[in-house]
Amino acid sequence: MLVAAAVCPCPPLLVPEVAAGAAPELDGARTACTDALGVLAASRPDLLIVIGPAGPAGRGTHPEGATGGFQEFGVDLGVRLGRDVGSAAVAERPLAPSLAVGAWLLARTGWAGTPVEALGVGEPLETARCTEAGRALADRADRVALLVMGDGSACRTVKSPGYLDERAAGFDAEASRALGAADTGALIALDEALAYELKAAGRAPWQVLAGAAEGAGLDGRLLYDDAPYGVGYMVAAWA
């Protein structure tokens, strides 16, 4: 059963070494992420699962001890998902960047003890399959917590990665409202096609969360909502 969730943005710029001189611009987001992970720790889960958008090579499950890094962003920094379990299986596939950011957040906050796994989700994954995956995750243990990585639209301004789309602000406003209210129905209702057009990488992970949280009776709190680089970044905690 799902007992808690933290929703965080997943830009590699969240890692100060990657952001370099621009690092202070996301200090507020980092602080909010730390607060959200504190909610996860307080829930004392039996299993923590990190969920994030991933390309074809990074989709599917990753065991505890899986590794990733930020070398493709010009920084020689590696991360590990949870503990080093010493299994050869963990080296099969590197973590997708979104999951690597999640692993970095866990290491930064000193997460320890609870087993950790990860799931990379394709951005175009249909809503029904997202919610089905979420229900399956919630059944993995008596007390499951999720760290859900994902960004809102990348079309908020003319300098955004996807340029300006007038629909982006409205999409992000509804997504942030739903995340802050733990409104699973509203998350499930997010338009797949529109999210894809707006380059909202968080849509599929958020809908996995919605499936996992159905019937769990969790309350939500929005901790951060901004678009410093023309991309919607939201942080929320559910408990």
C-alpha atoms as a PDB file:
ATOM      1  CA  MET A   1       0.000   0.000   0.000  1.00  0.00           C
ATOM      2  CA  LEU A   2       1.210   3.489  -0.779  1.00  0.00           C
ATOM      3  CA  VAL A   3       1.892   5.423   2.435  1.00  0.00           C
ATOM      4  CA  ALA A   4       3.777   8.478   1.114  1.00  0.00           C
ATOM      5  CA  ALA A   5       5.095  10.122  -2.032  1.00  0.00           C
ATOM      6  CA  ALA A   6       7.424  12.958  -2.920  1.00  0.00           C
ATOM      7  CA  VAL A   7       7.147  14.667  -6.301  1.00  0.00           C
ATOM      8  CA  CYS A   8      10.293  16.445  -7.508  1.00  0.00           C
ATOM      9  CA  PRO A   9      11.512  17.978 -10.773  1.00  0.00           C
ATOM     10  CA  CYS A  10      14.256  16.107 -12.595  1.00  0.00           C
ATOM     11  CA  PRO A  11      16.518  18.562 -14.452  1.00  0.00           C
ATOM     12  CA  PRO A  12      20.204  17.674 -14.074  1.00  0.00           C
ATOM     13  CA  LEU A  13      20.615  21.380 -13.225  1.00  0.00           C
ATOM     14  CA  LEU A  14      19.227  20.461  -9.817  1.00  0.00           C
ATOM     15  CA  VAL A  15      22.710  19.025  -9.145  1.00  0.00           C
ATOM     16  CA  PRO A  16      24.940  22.021  -8.262  1.00  0.00           C
ATOM     17  CA  GLU A  17      27.980  20.547 -10.008  1.00  0.00           C
ATOM     18  CA  VAL A  18      25.993  20.442 -13.249  1.00  0.00           C
ATOM     19  CA  ALA A  19      24.456  23.894 -12.798  1.00  0.00           C
ATOM     20  CA  ALA A  20      27.853  25.414 -11.907  1.00  0.00           C
ATOM     21  CA  GLY A  21      27.482  29.200 -11.702  1.00  0.00           C
ATOM     22  CA  ALA A  22      23.703  29.011 -12.080  1.00  0.00           C
ATOM     23  CA  ALA A  23      23.314  26.701  -9.071  1.00  0.00           C
ATOM     24  CA  PRO A  24      21.782  29.336  -6.705  1.00  0.00           C
ATOM     25  CA  GLU A  25      18.828  29.773  -9.059  1.00  0.00           C
ATOM     26  CA  LEU A  26      17.431  26.391  -7.979  1.00  0.00           C
ATOM     27  CA  ASP A  27      18.208  26.643  -4.261  1.00  0.00           C
ATOM     28  CA  GLY A  28      14.503  26.988  -3.511  1.00  0.00           C
ATOM     29  CA  ALA A  29      13.692  23.835  -5.460  1.00  0.00           C
ATOM     30  CA  ARG A  30      16.465  21.893  -3.706  1.00  0.00           C
ATOM     31  CA  THR A  31      15.196  22.958  -0.294  1.00  0.00           C
ATOM     32  CA  ALA A  32      11.660  21.921  -1.213  1.00  0.00           C
ATOM     33  CA  CYS A  33      12.919  18.532  -2.437  1.00  0.00           C
ATOM     34  CA  THR A  34      14.724  17.998   0.873  1.00  0.00           C
ATOM     35  CA  ASP A  35      11.495  18.762   2.734  1.00  0.00           C
ATOM     36  CA  ALA A  36       9.520  16.360   0.521  1.00  0.00           C
ATOM     37  CA  LEU A  37      12.022  13.560   1.093  1.00  0.00           C
ATOM     38  CA  GLY A  38      11.693  14.194   4.799  1.00  0.00           C
ATOM     39  CA  VAL A  39       8.029  13.229   4.468  1.00  0.00           C
ATOM     40  CA  LEU A  40       9.089   9.967   2.830  1.00  0.00           C
ATOM     41  CA  ALA A  41      11.520   9.169   5.625  1.00  0.00           C
ATOM     42  CA  ALA A  42       8.895   9.931   8.270  1.00  0.00           C
ATOM     43  CA  SER A  43       6.511   7.410   6.674  1.00  0.00           C
ATOM     44  CA  ARG A  44       8.955   4.565   7.458  1.00  0.00           C
ATOM     45  CA  PRO A  45       8.310   2.593   4.265  1.00  0.00           C
ATOM     46  CA  ASP A  46       9.290  -1.015   3.680  1.00  0.00           C
ATOM     47  CA  LEU A  47      10.213  -0.157   0.084  1.00  0.00           C
ATOM     48  CA  LEU A  48      11.022   3.070  -1.765  1.00  0.00           C
ATOM     49  CA  ILE A  49      10.612   3.204  -5.537  1.00  0.00           C
ATOM     50  CA  VAL A  50      12.008   6.077  -7.613  1.00  0.00           C
ATOM     51  CA  ILE A  51      10.001   6.765 -10.794  1.00  0.00           C
ATOM     52  CA  GLY A  52      11.096   9.019 -13.635  1.00  0.00           C
ATOM     53  CA  PRO A  53      10.850   9.577 -17.394  1.00  0.00           C
ATOM     54  CA  ALA A  54      13.333   7.589 -19.434  1.00  0.00           C
ATOM     55  CA  GLY A  55      14.311   6.975 -23.032  1.00  0.00           C
ATOM     56  CA  PRO A  56      14.214   3.470 -24.534  1.00  0.00           C
ATOM     57  CA  ALA A  57      17.550   2.423 -23.016  1.00  0.00           C
ATOM     58  CA  GLY A  58      16.568   3.430 -19.499  1.00  0.00           C
ATOM     59  CA  ARG A  59      13.013   2.139 -19.315  1.00  0.00           C
ATOM     60  CA  GLY A  60      11.950  -0.629 -16.991  1.00  0.00           C
ATOM     61  CA  THR A  61      13.098  -1.532 -13.520  1.00  0.00           C
ATOM     62  CA  HIS A  62      16.485  -0.932 -11.923  1.00  0.00           C
ATOM     63  CA  PRO A  63      17.590  -2.774  -8.782  1.00  0.00           C
ATOM     64  CA  GLU A  64      19.126  -1.264  -5.697  1.00  0.00           C
ATOM     65  CA  GLY A  65      22.760  -0.445  -6.315  1.00  0.00           C
ATOM     66  CA  ALA A  66      22.194   0.579  -9.949  1.00  0.00           C
ATOM     67  CA  THR A  67      24.441   3.419 -11.028  1.00  0.00           C
ATOM     68  CA  GLY A  68      24.208   6.474 -13.236  1.00  0.00           C
ATOM     69  CA  GLY A  69      25.898   9.802 -13.667  1.00  0.00           C
ATOM     70  CA  PHE A  70      26.079  13.203 -15.294  1.00  0.00           C
ATOM     71  CA  GLN A  71      29.006  12.723 -17.652  1.00  0.00           C
ATOM     72  CA  GLU A  72      26.845  13.533 -20.679  1.00  0.00           C
ATOM     73  CA  PHE A  73      26.289  16.969 -19.115  1.00  0.00           C
ATOM     74  CA  GLY A  74      30.005  17.619 -18.833  1.00  0.00           C
ATOM     75  CA  VAL A  75      30.403  16.677 -15.168  1.00  0.00           C
ATOM     76  CA  ASP A  76      32.363  13.646 -13.989  1.00  0.00           C
ATOM     77  CA  LEU A  77      29.956  12.767 -11.195  1.00  0.00           C
ATOM     78  CA  GLY A  78      28.470   9.338 -10.589  1.00  0.00           C
ATOM     79  CA  VAL A  79      25.577   8.276  -8.362  1.00  0.00           C
ATOM     80  CA  ARG A  80      24.302   5.021  -6.940  1.00  0.00           C
ATOM     81  CA  LEU A  81      20.699   4.061  -6.198  1.00  0.00           C
ATOM     82  CA  GLY A  82      20.623   3.267  -2.503  1.00  0.00           C
ATOM     83  CA  ARG A  83      23.181   0.853  -1.110  1.00  0.00           C
ATOM     84  CA  ASP A  84      26.032  -0.865  -2.907  1.00  0.00           C
ATOM     85  CA  VAL A  85      24.688  -4.416  -2.913  1.00  0.00           C
ATOM     86  CA  GLY A  86      27.611  -5.827  -4.875  1.00  0.00           C
ATOM     87  CA  SER A  87      25.529  -7.535  -7.555  1.00  0.00           C
ATOM     88  CA  ALA A  88      26.704  -7.829 -11.154  1.00  0.00           C
ATOM     89  CA  ALA A  89      23.120  -7.223 -12.275  1.00  0.00           C
ATOM     90  CA  VAL A  90      23.233  -3.571 -11.258  1.00  0.00           C
ATOM     91  CA  ALA A  91      25.768  -2.760 -13.968  1.00  0.00           C
ATOM     92  CA  GLU A  92      23.580  -3.925 -16.856  1.00  0.00           C
ATOM     93  CA  ARG A  93      21.902  -0.566 -17.596  1.00  0.00           C
ATOM     94  CA  PRO A  94      22.729   2.900 -16.286  1.00  0.00           C
ATOM     95  CA  LEU A  95      20.043   4.973 -14.632  1.00  0.00           C
ATOM     96  CA  ALA A  96      18.259   7.461 -16.883  1.00  0.00           C
ATOM     97  CA  PRO A  97      19.118  11.099 -16.049  1.00  0.00           C
ATOM     98  CA  SER A  98      15.832  11.609 -14.190  1.00  0.00           C
ATOM     99  CA  LEU A  99      16.526   8.574 -12.003  1.00  0.00           C
ATOM    100  CA  ALA A 100      20.127   9.685 -11.492  1.00  0.00           C
ATOM    101  CA  VAL A 101      18.805  13.005 -10.154  1.00  0.00           C
ATOM    102  CA  GLY A 102      16.533  11.016  -7.841  1.00  0.00           C
ATOM    103  CA  ALA A 103      19.470   8.919  -6.630  1.00  0.00           C
ATOM    104  CA  TRP A 104      21.450  12.128  -6.056  1.00  0.00           C
ATOM    105  CA  LEU A 105      18.611  13.581  -3.962  1.00  0.00           C
ATOM    106  CA  LEU A 106      18.477  10.440  -1.836  1.00  0.00           C
ATOM    107  CA  ALA A 107      22.232  10.473  -1.266  1.00  0.00           C
ATOM    108  CA  ARG A 108      22.119  14.208  -0.479  1.00  0.00           C
ATOM    109  CA  THR A 109      19.518  13.678   2.224  1.00  0.00           C
ATOM    110  CA  GLY A 110      21.283  10.647   3.679  1.00  0.00           C
ATOM    111  CA  TRP A 111      18.631   8.070   2.812  1.00  0.00           C
ATOM    112  CA  ALA A 112      19.620   4.749   4.368  1.00  0.00           C
ATOM    113  CA  GLY A 113      18.182   1.457   5.458  1.00  0.00           C
ATOM    114  CA  THR A 114      15.024   1.139   3.389  1.00  0.00           C
ATOM    115  CA  PRO A 115      15.467  -0.873   0.159  1.00  0.00           C
ATOM    116  CA  VAL A 116      15.331   1.313  -2.959  1.00  0.00           C
ATOM    117  CA  GLU A 117      14.428   0.411  -6.541  1.00  0.00           C
ATOM    118  CA  ALA A 118      13.721   2.508  -9.641  1.00  0.00           C
ATOM    119  CA  LEU A 119      11.369   2.472 -12.598  1.00  0.00           C
ATOM    120  CA  GLY A 120      12.039   4.319 -15.832  1.00  0.00           C
ATOM    121  CA  VAL A 121       8.826   5.243 -17.657  1.00  0.00           C
ATOM    122  CA  GLY A 122       8.523   6.191 -21.316  1.00  0.00           C
ATOM    123  CA  GLU A 123       7.077   9.671 -21.801  1.00  0.00           C
ATOM    124  CA  PRO A 124       4.463   8.491 -24.355  1.00  0.00           C
ATOM    125  CA  LEU A 125       3.169   5.664 -22.111  1.00  0.00           C
ATOM    126  CA  GLU A 126      -0.624   5.567 -22.238  1.00  0.00           C
ATOM    127  CA  THR A 127      -2.562   6.691 -19.174  1.00  0.00           C
ATOM    128  CA  ALA A 128      -4.184   3.298 -18.620  1.00  0.00           C
ATOM    129  CA  ARG A 129      -0.809   1.579 -18.565  1.00  0.00           C
ATOM    130  CA  CYS A 130       0.589   4.215 -16.218  1.00  0.00           C
ATOM    131  CA  THR A 131      -2.166   3.736 -13.667  1.00  0.00           C
ATOM    132  CA  GLU A 132      -1.943  -0.041 -13.999  1.00  0.00           C
ATOM    133  CA  ALA A 133       1.792   0.133 -13.278  1.00  0.00           C
ATOM    134  CA  GLY A 134       1.112   2.327 -10.268  1.00  0.00           C
ATOM    135  CA  ARG A 135      -1.372  -0.127  -8.778  1.00  0.00           C
ATOM    136  CA  ALA A 136       1.172  -2.917  -9.169  1.00  0.00           C
ATOM    137  CA  LEU A 137       3.836  -0.836  -7.396  1.00  0.00           C
ATOM    138  CA  ALA A 138       1.512  -0.132  -4.471  1.00  0.00           C
ATOM    139  CA  ASP A 139       1.083  -3.879  -3.981  1.00  0.00           C
ATOM    140  CA  ARG A 140       4.815  -4.525  -3.740  1.00  0.00           C
ATOM    141  CA  ALA A 141       4.953  -4.185   0.074  1.00  0.00           C
ATOM    142  CA  ASP A 142       2.807  -3.326   3.073  1.00  0.00           C
ATOM    143  CA  ARG A 143       4.293   0.184   3.189  1.00  0.00           C
ATOM    144  CA  VAL A 144       5.445   1.596  -0.158  1.00  0.00           C
ATOM    145  CA  ALA A 145       6.787   5.109  -0.736  1.00  0.00           C
ATOM    146  CA  LEU A 146       7.404   6.724  -4.129  1.00  0.00           C
ATOM    147  CA  LEU A 147       9.874   9.385  -5.202  1.00  0.00           C
ATOM    148  CA  VAL A 148       8.336  10.673  -8.415  1.00  0.00           C
ATOM    149  CA  MET A 149      10.631  12.640 -10.711  1.00  0.00           C
ATOM    150  CA  GLY A 150       9.222  14.721 -13.550  1.00  0.00           C
ATOM    151  CA  ASP A 151       8.933  18.211 -15.022  1.00  0.00           C
ATOM    152  CA  GLY A 152       5.979  20.174 -16.247  1.00  0.00           C
ATOM    153  CA  SER A 153       5.775  21.753 -19.682  1.00  0.00           C
ATOM    154  CA  ALA A 154       8.942  22.952 -21.391  1.00  0.00           C
ATOM    155  CA  CYS A 155       7.096  25.662 -23.330  1.00  0.00           C
ATOM    156  CA  ARG A 156       6.457  28.427 -20.818  1.00  0.00           C
ATOM    157  CA  THR A 157       8.531  31.191 -22.470  1.00  0.00           C
ATOM    158  CA  VAL A 158      10.190  32.001 -25.773  1.00  0.00           C
ATOM    159  CA  LYS A 159      13.488  30.870 -24.223  1.00  0.00           C
ATOM    160  CA  SER A 160      12.073  27.506 -23.133  1.00  0.00           C
ATOM    161  CA  PRO A 161      13.472  24.316 -24.695  1.00  0.00           C
ATOM    162  CA  GLY A 162      10.179  23.951 -26.573  1.00  0.00           C
ATOM    163  CA  TYR A 163       9.640  27.683 -27.234  1.00  0.00           C
ATOM    164  CA  LEU A 164       6.456  29.439 -26.079  1.00  0.00           C
ATOM    165  CA  ASP A 165       3.132  27.643 -26.224  1.00  0.00           C
ATOM    166  CA  GLU A 166       0.152  29.554 -24.840  1.00  0.00           C
ATOM    167  CA  ARG A 167      -1.345  26.312 -23.502  1.00  0.00           C
ATOM    168  CA  ALA A 168       1.646  25.562 -21.272  1.00  0.00           C
ATOM    169  CA  ALA A 169       0.779  27.802 -18.318  1.00  0.00           C
ATOM    170  CA  GLY A 170      -2.720  26.362 -18.036  1.00  0.00           C
ATOM    171  CA  PHE A 171      -1.458  22.791 -18.240  1.00  0.00           C
ATOM    172  CA  ASP A 172       1.103  23.419 -15.511  1.00  0.00           C
ATOM    173  CA  ALA A 173      -1.399  25.218 -13.322  1.00  0.00           C
ATOM    174  CA  GLU A 174      -3.746  22.231 -13.374  1.00  0.00           C
ATOM    175  CA  ALA A 175      -0.888  19.782 -12.821  1.00  0.00           C
ATOM    176  CA  SER A 176       0.469  21.728  -9.840  1.00  0.00           C
ATOM    177  CA  ARG A 177      -3.021  22.067  -8.346  1.00  0.00           C
ATOM    178  CA  ALA A 178      -3.577  18.313  -8.679  1.00  0.00           C
ATOM    179  CA  LEU A 179      -0.171  17.483  -7.216  1.00  0.00           C
ATOM    180  CA  GLY A 180      -0.713  19.836  -4.301  1.00  0.00           C
ATOM    181  CA  ALA A 181      -4.148  18.400  -3.566  1.00  0.00           C
ATOM    182  CA  ALA A 182      -3.202  14.737  -4.119  1.00  0.00           C
ATOM    183  CA  ASP A 183      -6.033  14.736  -6.665  1.00  0.00           C
ATOM    184  CA  THR A 184      -5.552  11.389  -8.408  1.00  0.00           C
ATOM    185  CA  GLY A 185      -8.556  11.880 -10.676  1.00  0.00           C
ATOM    186  CA  ALA A 186      -7.200  15.160 -12.022  1.00  0.00           C
ATOM    187  CA  LEU A 187      -3.771  13.637 -12.644  1.00  0.00           C
ATOM    188  CA  ILE A 188      -5.323  10.736 -14.514  1.00  0.00           C
ATOM    189  CA  ALA A 189      -7.310  13.250 -16.579  1.00  0.00           C
ATOM    190  CA  LEU A 190      -4.185  15.057 -17.837  1.00  0.00           C
ATOM    191  CA  ASP A 191      -4.218  14.940 -21.630  1.00  0.00           C
ATOM    192  CA  GLU A 192      -1.526  12.584 -22.965  1.00  0.00           C
ATOM    193  CA  ALA A 193      -1.290  14.201 -26.379  1.00  0.00           C
ATOM    194  CA  LEU A 194      -1.190  17.749 -25.020  1.00  0.00           C
ATOM    195  CA  ALA A 195       1.446  16.801 -22.445  1.00  0.00           C
ATOM    196  CA  TYR A 196       3.605  15.330 -25.192  1.00  0.00           C
ATOM    197  CA  GLU A 197       3.232  18.441 -27.352  1.00  0.00           C
ATOM    198  CA  LEU A 198       4.182  20.619 -24.384  1.00  0.00           C
ATOM    199  CA  LYS A 199       7.166  18.359 -23.571  1.00  0.00           C
ATOM    200  CA  ALA A 200       5.822  17.720 -20.074  1.00  0.00           C
ATOM    201  CA  ALA A 201       8.069  14.832 -19.063  1.00  0.00           C
ATOM    202  CA  GLY A 202       6.306  14.393 -15.732  1.00  0.00           C
ATOM    203  CA  ARG A 203       2.909  13.405 -17.088  1.00  0.00           C
ATOM    204  CA  ALA A 204       3.512   9.638 -17.208  1.00  0.00           C
ATOM    205  CA  PRO A 205       5.293   9.391 -13.810  1.00  0.00           C
ATOM    206  CA  TRP A 206       2.553  11.511 -12.212  1.00  0.00           C
ATOM    207  CA  GLN A 207      -0.087   9.167 -13.604  1.00  0.00           C
ATOM    208  CA  VAL A 208       1.836   6.162 -12.252  1.00  0.00           C
ATOM    209  CA  LEU A 209       1.652   7.918  -8.881  1.00  0.00           C
ATOM    210  CA  ALA A 210      -2.078   8.468  -9.341  1.00  0.00           C
ATOM    211  CA  GLY A 211      -2.615   4.757  -9.946  1.00  0.00           C
ATOM    212  CA  ALA A 212      -0.576   3.829  -6.894  1.00  0.00           C
ATOM    213  CA  ALA A 213      -2.439   6.322  -4.684  1.00  0.00           C
ATOM    214  CA  GLU A 214      -5.989   5.333  -5.617  1.00  0.00           C
ATOM    215  CA  GLY A 215      -7.844   4.528  -2.421  1.00  0.00           C
ATOM    216  CA  ALA A 216      -4.845   5.324  -0.192  1.00  0.00           C
ATOM    217  CA  GLY A 217      -6.444   8.449   1.277  1.00  0.00           C
ATOM    218  CA  LEU A 218      -3.277  10.552   1.132  1.00  0.00           C
ATOM    219  CA  ASP A 219      -3.224  14.320   1.633  1.00  0.00           C
ATOM    220  CA  GLY A 220      -1.013  16.526  -0.541  1.00  0.00           C
ATOM    221  CA  ARG A 221       0.973  19.701  -0.055  1.00  0.00           C
ATOM    222  CA  LEU A 222       2.569  21.804  -2.792  1.00  0.00           C
ATOM    223  CA  LEU A 223       6.029  22.934  -1.689  1.00  0.00           C
ATOM    224  CA  TYR A 224       7.365  24.615  -4.841  1.00  0.00           C
ATOM    225  CA  ASP A 225       5.964  25.777  -8.180  1.00  0.00           C
ATOM    226  CA  ASP A 226       8.047  27.866 -10.565  1.00  0.00           C
ATOM    227  CA  ALA A 227       9.466  27.930 -14.092  1.00  0.00           C
ATOM    228  CA  PRO A 228      12.951  29.502 -13.750  1.00  0.00           C
ATOM    229  CA  TYR A 229      14.127  28.278 -17.151  1.00  0.00           C
ATOM    230  CA  GLY A 230      10.788  28.267 -18.903  1.00  0.00           C
ATOM    231  CA  VAL A 231      10.117  24.713 -17.669  1.00  0.00           C
ATOM    232  CA  GLY A 232       7.541  23.948 -15.027  1.00  0.00           C
ATOM    233  CA  TYR A 233       9.123  22.598 -11.836  1.00  0.00           C
ATOM    234  CA  MET A 234       6.829  21.389  -9.029  1.00  0.00           C
ATOM    235  CA  VAL A 235       7.594  19.817  -5.668  1.00  0.00           C
ATOM    236  CA  ALA A 236       4.866  18.157  -3.609  1.00  0.00           C
ATOM    237  CA  ALA A 237       4.600  15.820  -0.664  1.00  0.00           C
ATOM    238  CA  TRP A 238       1.820  13.280  -0.112  1.00  0.00           C
ATOM    239  CA  ALA A 239       1.265  11.565   3.225  1.00  0.00           C
END
